[in-house]
Amino acid sequence: ENFLLSFSFPNFYFHVTTAYDLLRLRGVPLGKVDYLGQMRMKM
């Protein structure tokens, strides 16, 4: 658990953010909705 919280999560989020930045730099139209996916509604 300590490894996951102290290394894996920060490393994962760093790479996701970097990939997002590089894609945006290349002109790919990405936004928040692309990451959210389909919203789940409980009725």
N, C-alpha and C. Protein backbone atom coordinates (compact mmCIF):
# COMPACT_ATOMS: atom_id res chain seq x y z
N GLU A 1 0.83 -1.19 0.00
CA GLU A 1 0.00 0.00 0.00
C GLU A 1 0.88 1.26 0.00
N ASN A 2 1.94 1.25 0.77
CA ASN A 2 2.82 2.42 0.83
C ASN A 2 3.45 2.68 -0.54
N PHE A 3 3.90 1.62 -1.21
CA PHE A 3 4.49 1.76 -2.55
C PHE A 3 3.46 2.35 -3.52
N LEU A 4 2.23 1.87 -3.43
CA LEU A 4 1.17 2.34 -4.31
C LEU A 4 0.92 3.83 -4.12
N LEU A 5 0.81 4.25 -2.87
CA LEU A 5 0.49 5.64 -2.58
C LEU A 5 1.67 6.58 -2.78
N SER A 6 2.87 6.12 -2.50
CA SER A 6 4.02 7.02 -2.56
C SER A 6 4.71 7.05 -3.92
N PHE A 7 4.56 6.00 -4.73
CA PHE A 7 5.26 5.97 -6.02
C PHE A 7 4.31 5.77 -7.20
N SER A 8 3.50 4.75 -7.15
CA SER A 8 2.70 4.38 -8.33
C SER A 8 1.68 5.44 -8.73
N PHE A 9 0.89 5.92 -7.79
CA PHE A 9 -0.11 6.92 -8.14
C PHE A 9 0.51 8.21 -8.66
N PRO A 10 1.48 8.79 -7.97
CA PRO A 10 2.10 10.01 -8.51
C PRO A 10 2.73 9.79 -9.88
N ASN A 11 3.37 8.66 -10.09
CA ASN A 11 3.99 8.34 -11.37
C ASN A 11 2.94 8.22 -12.47
N PHE A 12 1.85 7.54 -12.17
CA PHE A 12 0.75 7.38 -13.13
C PHE A 12 0.17 8.75 -13.51
N TYR A 13 -0.15 9.58 -12.52
CA TYR A 13 -0.75 10.89 -12.81
C TYR A 13 0.22 11.81 -13.55
N PHE A 14 1.50 11.72 -13.26
CA PHE A 14 2.49 12.49 -14.00
C PHE A 14 2.45 12.13 -15.48
N HIS A 15 2.43 10.84 -15.79
CA HIS A 15 2.44 10.40 -17.18
C HIS A 15 1.13 10.72 -17.90
N VAL A 16 0.00 10.62 -17.21
CA VAL A 16 -1.28 10.98 -17.81
C VAL A 16 -1.29 12.47 -18.14
N THR A 17 -0.84 13.29 -17.21
CA THR A 17 -0.80 14.74 -17.43
C THR A 17 0.14 15.10 -18.57
N THR A 18 1.30 14.47 -18.62
CA THR A 18 2.26 14.74 -19.69
C THR A 18 1.70 14.34 -21.05
N ALA A 19 1.05 13.18 -21.13
CA ALA A 19 0.44 12.74 -22.38
C ALA A 19 -0.65 13.72 -22.82
N TYR A 20 -1.47 14.16 -21.88
CA TYR A 20 -2.52 15.13 -22.17
C TYR A 20 -1.91 16.42 -22.73
N ASP A 21 -0.88 16.92 -22.07
CA ASP A 21 -0.22 18.16 -22.51
C ASP A 21 0.37 18.02 -23.91
N LEU A 22 1.01 16.89 -24.19
CA LEU A 22 1.60 16.68 -25.51
C LEU A 22 0.53 16.59 -26.60
N LEU A 23 -0.56 15.92 -26.30
CA LEU A 23 -1.65 15.82 -27.28
C LEU A 23 -2.26 17.19 -27.54
N ARG A 24 -2.47 17.97 -26.48
CA ARG A 24 -3.02 19.32 -26.66
C ARG A 24 -2.06 20.20 -27.45
N LEU A 25 -0.77 20.05 -27.23
CA LEU A 25 0.24 20.80 -27.96
C LEU A 25 0.17 20.50 -29.45
N ARG A 26 -0.17 19.27 -29.79
CA ARG A 26 -0.29 18.85 -31.20
C ARG A 26 -1.64 19.23 -31.80
N GLY A 27 -2.52 19.83 -31.02
CA GLY A 27 -3.80 20.30 -31.53
C GLY A 27 -4.95 19.33 -31.39
N VAL A 28 -4.77 18.27 -30.63
CA VAL A 28 -5.85 17.31 -30.41
C VAL A 28 -6.88 17.95 -29.48
N PRO A 29 -8.15 17.99 -29.90
CA PRO A 29 -9.18 18.64 -29.09
C PRO A 29 -9.64 17.76 -27.92
N LEU A 30 -8.91 17.80 -26.84
CA LEU A 30 -9.26 17.04 -25.64
C LEU A 30 -9.80 17.97 -24.58
N GLY A 31 -10.71 17.45 -23.80
CA GLY A 31 -11.25 18.23 -22.69
C GLY A 31 -11.65 17.32 -21.55
N LYS A 32 -12.25 17.89 -20.55
CA LYS A 32 -12.64 17.15 -19.35
C LYS A 32 -13.60 16.02 -19.68
N VAL A 33 -14.52 16.27 -20.59
CA VAL A 33 -15.54 15.27 -20.93
C VAL A 33 -14.92 14.02 -21.54
N ASP A 34 -13.77 14.13 -22.17
CA ASP A 34 -13.09 12.97 -22.74
C ASP A 34 -12.57 12.03 -21.66
N TYR A 35 -12.33 12.54 -20.49
CA TYR A 35 -11.83 11.72 -19.39
C TYR A 35 -12.95 11.18 -18.51
N LEU A 36 -14.07 11.88 -18.47
CA LEU A 36 -15.16 11.47 -17.59
C LEU A 36 -15.89 10.22 -18.07
N GLY A 37 -16.06 10.10 -19.37
CA GLY A 37 -16.83 8.97 -19.89
C GLY A 37 -18.31 9.21 -19.67
N GLN A 38 -19.07 8.14 -19.73
CA GLN A 38 -20.51 8.26 -19.58
C GLN A 38 -20.88 8.44 -18.11
N MET A 39 -21.75 9.40 -17.85
CA MET A 39 -22.19 9.66 -16.49
C MET A 39 -23.20 8.60 -16.08
N ARG A 40 -23.08 8.13 -14.86
CA ARG A 40 -24.01 7.14 -14.33
C ARG A 40 -25.05 7.86 -13.48
N MET A 41 -26.30 7.61 -13.80
CA MET A 41 -27.39 8.24 -13.07
C MET A 41 -28.18 7.16 -12.34
N LYS A 42 -28.35 7.32 -11.04
CA LYS A 42 -29.13 6.36 -10.26
C LYS A 42 -30.54 6.88 -10.14
N MET A 43 -31.48 6.03 -10.49
CA MET A 43 -32.89 6.45 -10.44
C MET A 43 -33.65 5.64 -9.43
